[in-house]
Amino acid sequence: MTPSVMFSIVNMIAMPMWLLMIVLPKWKITRYLIDHKIIPIILSLFYVFYIVKSVSEGGGMDFSNLDSVMELFTVENAVLAGWVHYLVFDLLIGMWILDQNKNLGIHHLLIIPCLLASFMMGPVGFLLFIIIKTIKKYTS
């Protein structure tokens, strides 16, 4: 299977989880998937496969300087592994936001922008949630 096809597959695995977290965050199936981290685990298996494949085909991975990291982004399997890395950690941030909000009780309409931002730009969604959480803490 080509990296391009696998790129589409991993995106199709991640997307329903985001939809569930945004639209049905309290549904028992959504909660089960969040509590057991099912989708991140599945995606992590793909990540491990493509990291091993990339290393075995192209040698080691050098993260010691920017030029070396940029070189990694010219290897198709390494880029796919990097993409899956983003998918996993962005999903984990979204799941963490929902887990945190179980105790905070922030209205889900305020959580949705955090989830959307996490989906598109993980650290931005995380930061937005921290800001909303802090405001709630000091205004409650």
Protein backbone atom coordinates (compact mmCIF):
# COMPACT_ATOMS: atom_id res chain seq x y z
CA MET A 1 0.00 0.00 0.00
CA THR A 2 1.42 3.37 -0.97
CA PRO A 3 2.03 6.14 1.56
CA SER A 4 -0.57 8.25 -0.29
CA VAL A 5 -3.25 5.60 0.19
CA MET A 6 -2.23 5.14 3.82
CA PHE A 7 -2.43 8.92 4.32
CA SER A 8 -6.09 8.76 3.29
CA ILE A 9 -6.75 5.75 5.51
CA VAL A 10 -5.29 7.28 8.68
CA ASN A 11 -7.24 10.48 8.06
CA MET A 12 -10.43 8.43 7.67
CA ILE A 13 -9.66 6.68 10.96
CA ALA A 14 -9.17 9.96 12.85
CA MET A 15 -12.04 12.00 11.39
CA PRO A 16 -14.99 10.09 12.92
CA MET A 17 -13.44 10.44 16.37
CA TRP A 18 -13.29 14.21 15.98
CA LEU A 19 -16.91 14.27 14.83
CA LEU A 20 -17.98 12.20 17.83
CA MET A 21 -16.08 14.45 20.25
CA ILE A 22 -17.63 17.58 18.75
CA VAL A 23 -21.20 16.37 18.16
CA LEU A 24 -21.73 13.57 20.71
CA PRO A 25 -19.15 14.06 23.46
CA LYS A 26 -21.20 12.33 26.18
CA TRP A 27 -22.46 9.39 24.12
CA LYS A 28 -21.38 6.09 25.70
CA ILE A 29 -19.52 4.97 22.56
CA THR A 30 -17.67 8.29 22.37
CA ARG A 31 -16.79 8.05 26.06
CA TYR A 32 -15.61 4.44 25.62
CA LEU A 33 -13.35 5.43 22.72
CA ILE A 34 -11.98 8.36 24.75
CA ASP A 35 -11.54 6.44 27.99
CA HIS A 36 -9.68 3.60 26.28
CA LYS A 37 -7.87 5.77 23.70
CA ILE A 38 -8.85 3.27 20.98
CA ILE A 39 -8.27 5.49 17.95
CA PRO A 40 -4.93 6.92 19.15
CA ILE A 41 -3.75 3.36 19.86
CA ILE A 42 -4.73 2.21 16.36
CA LEU A 43 -3.03 5.22 14.80
CA SER A 44 0.04 4.66 16.98
CA LEU A 45 0.41 1.19 15.47
CA PHE A 46 0.52 2.76 12.01
CA TYR A 47 3.04 5.28 13.33
CA VAL A 48 5.35 2.56 14.65
CA PHE A 49 5.10 0.67 11.37
CA TYR A 50 6.04 3.71 9.27
CA ILE A 51 8.81 4.84 11.61
CA VAL A 52 10.38 1.37 11.45
CA LYS A 53 9.88 1.28 7.68
CA SER A 54 11.43 4.73 7.28
CA VAL A 55 14.45 3.92 9.45
CA SER A 56 15.01 0.56 7.77
CA GLU A 57 14.88 2.09 4.28
CA GLY A 58 16.66 5.35 4.91
CA GLY A 59 18.88 4.98 7.92
CA GLY A 60 18.62 6.76 11.24
CA MET A 61 16.72 9.88 12.09
CA ASP A 62 18.77 12.87 13.07
CA PHE A 63 16.89 15.48 15.13
CA SER A 64 20.02 17.37 16.21
CA ASN A 65 19.59 20.36 13.89
CA LEU A 66 17.01 21.95 11.63
CA ASP A 67 18.70 20.90 8.39
CA SER A 68 18.63 17.24 9.44
CA VAL A 69 14.96 17.46 10.41
CA MET A 70 14.16 19.14 7.09
CA GLU A 71 15.91 16.27 5.32
CA LEU A 72 13.54 13.83 7.04
CA PHE A 73 10.63 15.65 5.41
CA THR A 74 11.89 14.53 2.00
CA VAL A 75 11.34 10.84 2.83
CA GLU A 76 7.76 9.83 2.09
CA ASN A 77 7.44 7.23 4.87
CA ALA A 78 8.96 9.63 7.42
CA VAL A 79 6.50 12.35 6.42
CA LEU A 80 3.61 9.90 6.75
CA ALA A 81 4.87 8.89 10.20
CA GLY A 82 5.12 12.57 11.11
CA TRP A 83 1.55 13.15 9.95
CA VAL A 84 0.27 10.22 12.00
CA HIS A 85 2.23 11.66 14.95
CA TYR A 86 0.22 14.89 14.58
CA LEU A 87 -3.05 12.99 14.26
CA VAL A 88 -2.40 11.00 17.44
CA PHE A 89 -1.28 13.89 19.61
CA ASP A 90 -3.96 16.29 18.39
CA LEU A 91 -6.58 13.62 19.16
CA LEU A 92 -5.08 13.08 22.60
CA ILE A 93 -5.29 16.82 23.28
CA GLY A 94 -8.95 16.83 22.19
CA MET A 95 -9.67 13.85 24.44
CA TRP A 96 -7.82 15.49 27.32
CA ILE A 97 -9.93 18.65 26.88
CA LEU A 98 -13.14 16.61 27.14
CA ASP A 99 -11.79 14.69 30.14
CA GLN A 100 -10.83 17.92 31.90
CA ASN A 101 -14.21 19.42 31.17
CA LYS A 102 -16.05 16.58 32.93
CA ASN A 103 -15.03 18.25 36.20
CA LEU A 104 -15.08 21.86 35.00
CA GLY A 105 -18.53 21.91 33.42
CA ILE A 106 -17.72 24.47 30.75
CA HIS A 107 -20.61 24.60 28.25
CA HIS A 108 -19.86 22.41 25.25
CA LEU A 109 -20.43 25.32 22.86
CA LEU A 110 -17.29 26.89 24.35
CA ILE A 111 -15.42 23.59 24.10
CA ILE A 112 -16.20 23.11 20.41
CA PRO A 113 -13.82 25.91 19.27
CA CYS A 114 -11.10 24.32 21.42
CA LEU A 115 -11.71 20.97 19.74
CA LEU A 116 -11.79 22.48 16.25
CA ALA A 117 -8.58 24.37 16.91
CA SER A 118 -6.98 21.20 18.32
CA PHE A 119 -8.05 19.35 15.20
CA MET A 120 -6.46 21.93 12.91
CA MET A 121 -3.58 23.23 15.05
CA GLY A 122 -3.21 21.15 18.22
CA PRO A 123 -1.31 23.63 20.41
CA VAL A 124 -3.76 26.45 19.55
CA GLY A 125 -6.70 24.36 20.77
CA PHE A 126 -4.80 23.44 23.90
CA LEU A 127 -3.97 27.10 24.57
CA LEU A 128 -7.56 28.22 23.92
CA PHE A 129 -8.84 25.62 26.37
CA ILE A 130 -6.32 26.70 29.02
CA ILE A 131 -7.46 30.32 28.59
CA ILE A 132 -11.16 29.37 28.90
CA LYS A 133 -10.39 27.11 31.87
CA THR A 134 -8.47 29.91 33.59
CA ILE A 135 -11.24 32.44 32.98
CA LYS A 136 -13.81 29.99 34.38
CA LYS A 137 -11.63 29.38 37.45
CA TYR A 138 -11.35 33.09 38.25
CA THR A 139 -14.96 34.02 37.47
CA SER A 140 -16.69 31.17 39.31
